[in-house]
PDB file of N, CA and C in Angstrom:
ATOM      1  N   UNK A   1      72.980  89.665  74.620  1.00  0.00           N
ATOM      2  CA  UNK A   1      74.322  89.871  75.124  1.00  0.00           C
ATOM      3  C   UNK A   1      74.533  91.337  75.475  1.00  0.00           C
ATOM      4  N   UNK A   2      75.289  91.559  76.533  1.00  0.00           N
ATOM      5  CA  UNK A   2      75.577  92.925  76.945  1.00  0.00           C
ATOM      6  C   UNK A   2      76.727  93.492  76.121  1.00  0.00           C
ATOM      7  N   UNK A   3      76.850  94.794  76.172  1.00  0.00           N
ATOM      8  CA  UNK A   3      77.941  95.467  75.460  1.00  0.00           C
ATOM      9  C   UNK A   3      79.279  94.979  75.991  1.00  0.00           C
ATOM     10  N   UNK A   4      79.385  94.831  77.319  1.00  0.00           N
ATOM     11  CA  UNK A   4      80.634  94.374  77.925  1.00  0.00           C
ATOM     12  C   UNK A   4      80.996  92.970  77.446  1.00  0.00           C
ATOM     13  N   UNK A   5      80.017  92.094  77.395  1.00  0.00           N
ATOM     14  CA  UNK A   5      80.278  90.727  76.951  1.00  0.00           C
ATOM     15  C   UNK A   5      80.713  90.704  75.491  1.00  0.00           C
ATOM     16  N   UNK A   6      80.063  91.507  74.665  1.00  0.00           N
ATOM     17  CA  UNK A   6      80.454  91.606  73.253  1.00  0.00           C
ATOM     18  C   UNK A   6      81.891  92.102  73.128  1.00  0.00           C
ATOM     19  N   UNK A   7      82.236  93.102  73.921  1.00  0.00           N
ATOM     20  CA  UNK A   7      83.583  93.665  73.878  1.00  0.00           C
ATOM     21  C   UNK A   7      84.618  92.641  74.335  1.00  0.00           C
ATOM     22  N   UNK A   8      84.314  91.930  75.405  1.00  0.00           N
ATOM     23  CA  UNK A   8      85.239  90.897  75.892  1.00  0.00           C
ATOM     24  C   UNK A   8      85.441  89.829  74.824  1.00  0.00           C
ATOM     25  N   UNK A   9      84.373  89.420  74.176  1.00  0.00           N
ATOM     26  CA  UNK A   9      84.481  88.408  73.121  1.00  0.00           C
ATOM     27  C   UNK A   9      85.328  88.915  71.960  1.00  0.00           C
ATOM     28  N   UNK A  10      85.150  90.186  71.597  1.00  0.00           N
ATOM     29  CA  UNK A  10      85.935  90.769  70.510  1.00  0.00           C
ATOM     30  C   UNK A  10      87.416  90.790  70.879  1.00  0.00           C
ATOM     31  N   UNK A  11      87.714  91.259  72.093  1.00  0.00           N
ATOM     32  CA  UNK A  11      89.111  91.333  72.535  1.00  0.00           C
ATOM     33  C   UNK A  11      89.716  89.936  72.609  1.00  0.00           C
ATOM     34  N   UNK A  12      88.972  88.987  73.154  1.00  0.00           N
ATOM     35  CA  UNK A  12      89.460  87.605  73.236  1.00  0.00           C
ATOM     36  C   UNK A  12      89.773  87.077  71.841  1.00  0.00           C
ATOM     37  N   UNK A  13      88.885  87.349  70.908  1.00  0.00           N
ATOM     38  CA  UNK A  13      89.092  86.910  69.531  1.00  0.00           C
ATOM     39  C   UNK A  13      90.305  87.598  68.917  1.00  0.00           C
ATOM     40  N   UNK A  14      90.418  88.917  69.121  1.00  0.00           N
ATOM     41  CA  UNK A  14      91.553  89.673  68.577  1.00  0.00           C
ATOM     42  C   UNK A  14      92.885  89.134  69.092  1.00  0.00           C
ATOM     43  N   UNK A  15      92.901  88.715  70.361  1.00  0.00           N
ATOM     44  CA  UNK A  15      94.139  88.250  70.983  1.00  0.00           C
ATOM     45  C   UNK A  15      94.321  86.742  70.894  1.00  0.00           C
ATOM     46  N   UNK A  16      93.312  86.075  70.367  1.00  0.00           N
ATOM     47  CA  UNK A  16      93.396  84.620  70.263  1.00  0.00           C
ATOM     48  C   UNK A  16      93.355  83.926  71.616  1.00  0.00           C
ATOM     49  N   UNK A  17      92.595  84.505  72.539  1.00  0.00           N
ATOM     50  CA  UNK A  17      92.478  83.965  73.896  1.00  0.00           C
ATOM     51  C   UNK A  17      91.053  83.464  74.092  1.00  0.00           C
ATOM     52  N   UNK A  18      90.931  82.363  74.809  1.00  0.00           N
ATOM     53  CA  UNK A  18      89.619  81.805  75.123  1.00  0.00           C
ATOM     54  C   UNK A  18      88.803  82.805  75.948  1.00  0.00           C
ATOM     55  N   UNK A  19      87.512  82.930  75.627  1.00  0.00           N
ATOM     56  CA  UNK A  19      86.615  83.862  76.327  1.00  0.00           C
ATOM     57  C   UNK A  19      86.624  83.623  77.832  1.00  0.00           C
ATOM     58  N   UNK A  20      86.532  82.366  78.248  1.00  0.00           N
ATOM     59  CA  UNK A  20      86.523  82.042  79.686  1.00  0.00           C
ATOM     60  C   UNK A  20      87.824  82.475  80.350  1.00  0.00           C
ATOM     61  N   UNK A  21      88.943  82.219  79.670  1.00  0.00           N
ATOM     62  CA  UNK A  21      90.251  82.566  80.231  1.00  0.00           C
ATOM     63  C   UNK A  21      90.388  84.076  80.409  1.00  0.00           C
ATOM     64  N   UNK A  22      90.033  84.842  79.381  1.00  0.00           N
ATOM     65  CA  UNK A  22      90.169  86.296  79.484  1.00  0.00           C
ATOM     66  C   UNK A  22      89.207  86.856  80.532  1.00  0.00           C
ATOM     67  N   UNK A  23      88.037  86.254  80.661  1.00  0.00           N
ATOM     68  CA  UNK A  23      87.078  86.710  81.666  1.00  0.00           C
ATOM     69  C   UNK A  23      87.614  86.447  83.066  1.00  0.00           C
ATOM     70  N   UNK A  24      88.125  85.227  83.300  1.00  0.00           N
ATOM     71  CA  UNK A  24      88.673  84.883  84.615  1.00  0.00           C
ATOM     72  C   UNK A  24      89.874  85.756  84.965  1.00  0.00           C
ATOM     73  N   UNK A  25      90.781  85.918  84.009  1.00  0.00           N
ATOM     74  CA  UNK A  25      91.982  86.718  84.262  1.00  0.00           C
ATOM     75  C   UNK A  25      91.632  88.187  84.497  1.00  0.00           C
ATOM     76  N   UNK A  26      90.632  88.672  83.780  1.00  0.00           N
ATOM     77  CA  UNK A  26      90.187  90.060  83.968  1.00  0.00           C
ATOM     78  C   UNK A  26      89.601  90.258  85.355  1.00  0.00           C
ATOM     79  N   UNK A  27      88.755  89.333  85.773  1.00  0.00           N
ATOM     80  CA  UNK A  27      88.173  89.413  87.115  1.00  0.00           C
ATOM     81  C   UNK A  27      89.253  89.345  88.182  1.00  0.00           C
ATOM     82  N   UNK A  28      90.201  88.434  87.991  1.00  0.00           N
ATOM     83  CA  UNK A  28      91.282  88.293  88.962  1.00  0.00           C
ATOM     84  C   UNK A  28      92.107  89.579  89.046  1.00  0.00           C
ATOM     85  N   UNK A  29      92.445  90.156  87.899  1.00  0.00           N
ATOM     86  CA  UNK A  29      93.227  91.395  87.876  1.00  0.00           C
ATOM     87  C   UNK A  29      92.456  92.537  88.534  1.00  0.00           C
ATOM     88  N   UNK A  30      91.166  92.613  88.264  1.00  0.00           N
ATOM     89  CA  UNK A  30      90.328  93.647  88.875  1.00  0.00           C
ATOM     90  C   UNK A  30      90.326  93.508  90.395  1.00  0.00           C
ATOM     91  N   UNK A  31      90.117  92.288  90.872  1.00  0.00           N
ATOM     92  CA  UNK A  31      90.074  92.060  92.319  1.00  0.00           C
ATOM     93  C   UNK A  31      91.432  92.306  92.972  1.00  0.00           C
ATOM     94  N   UNK A  32      92.505  91.918  92.303  1.00  0.00           N
ATOM     95  CA  UNK A  32      93.843  92.152  92.844  1.00  0.00           C
ATOM     96  C   UNK A  32      94.131  93.648  92.956  1.00  0.00           C
ATOM     97  N   UNK A  33      93.711  94.412  91.971  1.00  0.00           N
ATOM     98  CA  UNK A  33      93.907  95.866  92.015  1.00  0.00           C
ATOM     99  C   UNK A  33      93.058  96.487  93.116  1.00  0.00           C
ATOM    100  N   UNK A  34      91.837  96.016  93.268  1.00  0.00           N
ATOM    101  CA  UNK A  34      90.953  96.505  94.334  1.00  0.00           C
ATOM    102  C   UNK A  34      91.587  96.224  95.699  1.00  0.00           C
ATOM    103  N   UNK A  35      92.114  95.011  95.859  1.00  0.00           N
ATOM    104  CA  UNK A  35      92.783  94.633  97.110  1.00  0.00           C
ATOM    105  C   UNK A  35      94.014  95.505  97.356  1.00  0.00           C
ATOM    106  N   UNK A  36      94.778  95.758  96.317  1.00  0.00           N
ATOM    107  CA  UNK A  36      95.986  96.587  96.450  1.00  0.00           C
ATOM    108  C   UNK A  36      95.635  97.985  96.944  1.00  0.00           C
ATOM    109  N   UNK A  37      94.593  98.586  96.371  1.00  0.00           N
ATOM    110  CA  UNK A  37      94.174  99.927  96.781  1.00  0.00           C
ATOM    111  C   UNK A  37      93.684  99.937  98.223  1.00  0.00           C
ATOM    112  N   UNK A  38      92.974  98.885  98.621  1.00  0.00           N
ATOM    113  CA  UNK A  38      92.493  98.803 100.000  1.00  0.00           C
ATOM    114  C   UNK A  38      93.658  98.660 100.976  1.00  0.00           C
ATOM    115  N   UNK A  39      94.670  97.894 100.590  1.00  0.00           N
ATOM    116  CA  UNK A  39      95.844  97.741 101.451  1.00  0.00           C
ATOM    117  C   UNK A  39      96.577  99.068 101.612  1.00  0.00           C
ATOM    118  N   UNK A  40      96.608  99.860 100.564  1.00  0.00           N
ATOM    119  CA  UNK A  40      97.215 101.189 100.656  1.00  0.00           C
ATOM    120  C   UNK A  40      96.424 102.047 101.635  1.00  0.00           C
ATOM    121  N   UNK A  41      95.097 101.976 101.565  1.00  0.00           N
ATOM    122  CA  UNK A  41      94.251 102.714 102.511  1.00  0.00           C
ATOM    123  C   UNK A  41      94.512 102.252 103.942  1.00  0.00           C
ATOM    124  N   UNK A  42      94.643 100.952 104.135  1.00  0.00           N
ATOM    125  CA  UNK A  42      94.927 100.404 105.465  1.00  0.00           C
ATOM    126  C   UNK A  42      96.259 100.926 105.976  1.00  0.00           C
ATOM    127  N   UNK A  43      97.279 100.873 105.135  1.00  0.00           N
ATOM    128  CA  UNK A  43      98.599 101.360 105.545  1.00  0.00           C
ATOM    129  C   UNK A  43      98.561 102.837 105.908  1.00  0.00           C
ATOM    130  N   UNK A  44      97.757 103.609 105.195  1.00  0.00           N
ATOM    131  CA  UNK A  44      97.622 105.030 105.512  1.00  0.00           C
ATOM    132  C   UNK A  44      97.032 105.253 106.891  1.00  0.00           C
ATOM    133  N   UNK A  45      96.018 104.482 107.234  1.00  0.00           N
ATOM    134  CA  UNK A  45      95.391 104.610 108.556  1.00  0.00           C
ATOM    135  C   UNK A  45      96.369 104.168 109.642  1.00  0.00           C
ATOM    136  N   UNK A  46      97.013 103.027 109.445  1.00  0.00           N
ATOM    137  CA  UNK A  46      97.960 102.532 110.441  1.00  0.00           C
ATOM    138  C   UNK A  46      99.097 103.522 110.652  1.00  0.00           C
ATOM    139  N   UNK A  47      99.597 104.094 109.573  1.00  0.00           N
ATOM    140  CA  UNK A  47     100.684 105.065 109.665  1.00  0.00           C
ATOM    141  C   UNK A  47     100.243 106.334 110.389  1.00  0.00           C
ATOM    142  N   UNK A  48      99.015 106.761 110.145  1.00  0.00           N
ATOM    143  CA  UNK A  48      98.488 107.968 110.778  1.00  0.00           C
ATOM    144  C   UNK A  48      98.558 107.872 112.303  1.00  0.00           C
ATOM    145  N   UNK A  49      98.325 106.670 112.824  1.00  0.00           N
ATOM    146  CA  UNK A  49      98.299 106.484 114.274  1.00  0.00           C
ATOM    147  C   UNK A  49      99.543 105.771 114.796  1.00  0.00           C
ATOM    148  N   UNK A  50     100.497 105.520 113.916  1.00  0.00           N
ATOM    149  CA  UNK A  50     101.753 104.856 114.279  1.00  0.00           C
ATOM    150  C   UNK A  50     101.495 103.532 114.994  1.00  0.00           C
ATOM    151  N   UNK A  51     100.623 102.714 114.390  1.00  0.00           N
ATOM    152  CA  UNK A  51     100.308 101.387 114.904  1.00  0.00           C
ATOM    153  C   UNK A  51     100.526 100.371 113.792  1.00  0.00           C
ATOM    154  N   UNK A  52     100.563  99.089 114.175  1.00  0.00           N
ATOM    155  CA  UNK A  52     100.812  98.061 113.166  1.00  0.00           C
ATOM    156  C   UNK A  52      99.594  97.194 112.871  1.00  0.00           C
ATOM    157  N   UNK A  53      98.496  97.411 113.614  1.00  0.00           N
ATOM    158  CA  UNK A  53      97.302  96.598 113.375  1.00  0.00           C
ATOM    159  C   UNK A  53      96.058  97.310 113.895  1.00  0.00           C
ATOM    160  N   UNK A  54      94.906  96.826 113.454  1.00  0.00           N
ATOM    161  CA  UNK A  54      93.647  97.389 113.952  1.00  0.00           C
ATOM    162  C   UNK A  54      93.494  97.106 115.440  1.00  0.00           C
ATOM    163  N   UNK A  55      93.970  95.965 115.872  1.00  0.00           N
ATOM    164  CA  UNK A  55      93.909  95.616 117.302  1.00  0.00           C
ATOM    165  C   UNK A  55      94.712  96.612 118.142  1.00  0.00           C
ATOM    166  N   UNK A  56      95.909  96.948 117.671  1.00  0.00           N
ATOM    167  CA  UNK A  56      96.743  97.909 118.397  1.00  0.00           C
ATOM    168  C   UNK A  56      96.074  99.279 118.438  1.00  0.00           C
ATOM    169  N   UNK A  57      95.456  99.686 117.342  1.00  0.00           N
ATOM    170  CA  UNK A  57      94.744 100.963 117.319  1.00  0.00           C
ATOM    171  C   UNK A  57      93.612 100.944 118.338  1.00  0.00           C
ATOM    172  N   UNK A  58      92.856  99.868 118.364  1.00  0.00           N
ATOM    173  CA  UNK A  58      91.746  99.755 119.314  1.00  0.00           C
ATOM    174  C   UNK A  58      92.248  99.820 120.760  1.00  0.00           C
ATOM    175  N   UNK A  59      93.337  99.126 121.046  1.00  0.00           N
ATOM    176  CA  UNK A  59      93.910  99.149 122.398  1.00  0.00           C
ATOM    177  C   UNK A  59      94.328 100.559 122.795  1.00  0.00           C
ATOM    178  N   UNK A  60      94.962 101.277 121.871  1.00  0.00           N
ATOM    179  CA  UNK A  60      95.412 102.639 122.176  1.00  0.00           C
ATOM    180  C   UNK A  60      94.234 103.585 122.381  1.00  0.00           C
ATOM    181  N   UNK A  61      93.153 103.367 121.655  1.00  0.00           N
ATOM    182  CA  UNK A  61      91.951 104.188 121.854  1.00  0.00           C
ATOM    183  C   UNK A  61      91.395 103.925 123.245  1.00  0.00           C
ATOM    184  N   UNK A  62      91.264 102.649 123.617  1.00  0.00           N
ATOM    185  CA  UNK A  62      90.703 102.298 124.927  1.00  0.00           C
ATOM    186  C   UNK A  62      91.583 102.775 126.081  1.00  0.00           C
ATOM    187  N   UNK A  63      92.894 102.781 125.879  1.00  0.00           N
ATOM    188  CA  UNK A  63      93.813 103.243 126.929  1.00  0.00           C
ATOM    189  C   UNK A  63      93.884 104.764 126.996  1.00  0.00           C
ATOM    190  N   UNK A  64      93.271 105.438 126.025  1.00  0.00           N
ATOM    191  CA  UNK A  64      93.303 106.891 125.991  1.00  0.00           C
ATOM    192  C   UNK A  64      94.579 107.460 125.404  1.00  0.00           C
ATOM    193  N   UNK A  65      95.394 106.612 124.803  1.00  0.00           N
ATOM    194  CA  UNK A  65      96.643 107.067 124.191  1.00  0.00           C
ATOM    195  C   UNK A  65      96.379 107.795 122.877  1.00  0.00           C
ATOM    196  N   UNK A  66      95.226 107.511 122.283  1.00  0.00           N
ATOM    197  CA  UNK A  66      94.810 108.150 121.035  1.00  0.00           C
ATOM    198  C   UNK A  66      93.399 108.668 121.251  1.00  0.00           C
ATOM    199  N   UNK A  67      93.153 109.897 120.824  1.00  0.00           N
ATOM    200  CA  UNK A  67      91.828 110.501 120.955  1.00  0.00           C
ATOM    201  C   UNK A  67      90.790 109.683 120.182  1.00  0.00           C
ATOM    202  N   UNK A  68      89.608 109.520 120.798  1.00  0.00           N
ATOM    203  CA  UNK A  68      88.562 108.703 120.174  1.00  0.00           C
ATOM    204  C   UNK A  68      88.115 109.236 118.820  1.00  0.00           C
ATOM    205  N   UNK A  69      88.104 110.551 118.674  1.00  0.00           N
ATOM    206  CA  UNK A  69      87.640 111.124 117.414  1.00  0.00           C
ATOM    207  C   UNK A  69      88.814 111.766 116.696  1.00  0.00           C
ATOM    208  N   UNK A  70      89.114 111.418 115.497  1.00  0.00           N
ATOM    209  CA  UNK A  70      88.393 110.548 114.556  1.00  0.00           C
ATOM    210  C   UNK A  70      88.891 109.101 114.552  1.00  0.00           C
ATOM    211  N   UNK A  71      89.716 108.727 115.528  1.00  0.00           N
ATOM    212  CA  UNK A  71      90.324 107.389 115.516  1.00  0.00           C
ATOM    213  C   UNK A  71      89.283 106.276 115.516  1.00  0.00           C
ATOM    214  N   UNK A  72      88.190 106.483 116.238  1.00  0.00           N
ATOM    215  CA  UNK A  72      87.168 105.436 116.291  1.00  0.00           C
ATOM    216  C   UNK A  72      86.574 105.178 114.907  1.00  0.00           C
ATOM    217  N   UNK A  73      86.298 106.255 114.173  1.00  0.00           N
ATOM    218  CA  UNK A  73      85.768 106.113 112.817  1.00  0.00           C
ATOM    219  C   UNK A  73      86.791 105.434 111.904  1.00  0.00           C
ATOM    220  N   UNK A  74      88.060 105.802 112.092  1.00  0.00           N
ATOM    221  CA  UNK A  74      89.112 105.172 111.291  1.00  0.00           C
ATOM    222  C   UNK A  74      89.245 103.688 111.628  1.00  0.00           C
ATOM    223  N   UNK A  75      89.057 103.342 112.892  1.00  0.00           N
ATOM    224  CA  UNK A  75      89.108 101.935 113.291  1.00  0.00           C
ATOM    225  C   UNK A  75      87.993 101.145 112.605  1.00  0.00           C
ATOM    226  N   UNK A  76      86.809 101.711 112.584  1.00  0.00           N
ATOM    227  CA  UNK A  76      85.684 101.048 111.911  1.00  0.00           C
ATOM    228  C   UNK A  76      85.995 100.866 110.425  1.00  0.00           C
ATOM    229  N   UNK A  77      86.511 101.913 109.795  1.00  0.00           N
ATOM    230  CA  UNK A  77      86.889 101.828 108.383  1.00  0.00           C
ATOM    231  C   UNK A  77      87.965 100.760 108.184  1.00  0.00           C
ATOM    232  N   UNK A  78      88.952 100.758 109.051  1.00  0.00           N
ATOM    233  CA  UNK A  78      90.044  99.792 108.978  1.00  0.00           C
ATOM    234  C   UNK A  78      89.520  98.359 109.072  1.00  0.00           C
ATOM    235  N   UNK A  79      88.647  98.114 110.026  1.00  0.00           N
ATOM    236  CA  UNK A  79      88.078  96.774 110.182  1.00  0.00           C
ATOM    237  C   UNK A  79      87.234  96.381 108.970  1.00  0.00           C
ATOM    238  N   UNK A  80      86.498  97.326 108.424  1.00  0.00           N
ATOM    239  CA  UNK A  80      85.702  97.046 107.222  1.00  0.00           C
ATOM    240  C   UNK A  80      86.596  96.727 106.025  1.00  0.00           C
ATOM    241  N   UNK A  81      87.680  97.481 105.880  1.00  0.00           N
ATOM    242  CA  UNK A  81      88.623  97.217 104.789  1.00  0.00           C
ATOM    243  C   UNK A  81      89.244  95.832 104.937  1.00  0.00           C
ATOM    244  N   UNK A  82      89.643  95.489 106.164  1.00  0.00           N
ATOM    245  CA  UNK A  82      90.247  94.176 106.403  1.00  0.00           C
ATOM    246  C   UNK A  82      89.264  93.047 106.074  1.00  0.00           C
ATOM    247  N   UNK A  83      88.022  93.228 106.449  1.00  0.00           N
ATOM    248  CA  UNK A  83      87.001  92.211 106.174  1.00  0.00           C
ATOM    249  C   UNK A  83      86.741  92.095 104.671  1.00  0.00           C
ATOM    250  N   UNK A  84      86.695  93.227 103.984  1.00  0.00           N
ATOM    251  CA  UNK A  84      86.474  93.204 102.539  1.00  0.00           C
ATOM    252  C   UNK A  84      87.640  92.535 101.822  1.00  0.00           C
ATOM    253  N   UNK A  85      88.853  92.766 102.302  1.00  0.00           N
ATOM    254  CA  UNK A  85      90.027  92.118 101.706  1.00  0.00           C
ATOM    255  C   UNK A  85      89.926  90.603 101.849  1.00  0.00           C
ATOM    256  N   UNK A  86      89.457  90.128 102.986  1.00  0.00           N
ATOM    257  CA  UNK A  86      89.281  88.679 103.163  1.00  0.00           C
ATOM    258  C   UNK A  86      88.303  88.121 102.130  1.00  0.00           C
ATOM    259  N   UNK A  87      87.226  88.842 101.905  1.00  0.00           N
ATOM    260  CA  UNK A  87      86.229  88.408 100.917  1.00  0.00           C
ATOM    261  C   UNK A  87      86.831  88.404  99.516  1.00  0.00           C
ATOM    262  N   UNK A  88      87.566  89.468  99.194  1.00  0.00           N
ATOM    263  CA  UNK A  88      88.214  89.556  97.880  1.00  0.00           C
ATOM    264  C   UNK A  88      89.201  88.407  97.697  1.00  0.00           C
ATOM    265  N   UNK A  89      89.969  88.100  98.742  1.00  0.00           N
ATOM    266  CA  UNK A  89      90.941  87.009  98.635  1.00  0.00           C
ATOM    267  C   UNK A  89      90.245  85.663  98.422  1.00  0.00           C
ATOM    268  N   UNK A  90      89.107  85.463  99.062  1.00  0.00           N
ATOM    269  CA  UNK A  90      88.318  84.244  98.820  1.00  0.00           C
ATOM    270  C   UNK A  90      87.852  84.196  97.366  1.00  0.00           C
ATOM    271  N   UNK A  91      87.405  85.344  96.861  1.00  0.00           N
ATOM    272  CA  UNK A  91      86.952  85.407  95.470  1.00  0.00           C
ATOM    273  C   UNK A  91      88.099  85.115  94.505  1.00  0.00           C
ATOM    274  N   UNK A  92      89.277  85.657  94.790  1.00  0.00           N
ATOM    275  CA  UNK A  92      90.444  85.404  93.934  1.00  0.00           C
ATOM    276  C   UNK A  92      90.778  83.916  93.934  1.00  0.00           C
ATOM    277  N   UNK A  93      90.754  83.296  95.116  1.00  0.00           N
ATOM    278  CA  UNK A  93      91.031  81.855  95.196  1.00  0.00           C
ATOM    279  C   UNK A  93      89.997  81.044  94.412  1.00  0.00           C
ATOM    280  N   UNK A  94      88.755  81.482  94.446  1.00  0.00           N
ATOM    281  CA  UNK A  94      87.714  80.727  93.737  1.00  0.00           C
ATOM    282  C   UNK A  94      87.848  80.855  92.220  1.00  0.00           C
ATOM    283  N   UNK A  95      88.467  81.921  91.761  1.00  0.00           N
ATOM    284  CA  UNK A  95      88.687  82.114  90.325  1.00  0.00           C
ATOM    285  C   UNK A  95      89.845  81.247  89.848  1.00  0.00           C
ATOM    286  N   UNK A  96      90.859  81.121  90.675  1.00  0.00           N
ATOM    287  CA  UNK A  96      92.080  80.388  90.286  1.00  0.00           C
ATOM    288  C   UNK A  96      91.863  78.917  90.104  1.00  0.00           C
TER     289      UNK A  96
END
């Protein structure tokens, strides 16, 4: 057994909670917090360029309304964050 597993079992026992339940709830809370932080990052990028979506940012870059650098890198980051959030949301649903 790993140290983490031993600790989770101890905490579950101390709180009178089933090991599986505390493990699932812990994973869900971790993923929800990760998603929350990513959404904050997304909002920061969108606010920086005064747009409401990655699509709008991409359109403004192509139209020349926003300089390509560093907007292009931010667009890539934004799209990666959005994709990761989708994966996290699938994981959260699978835990529930």
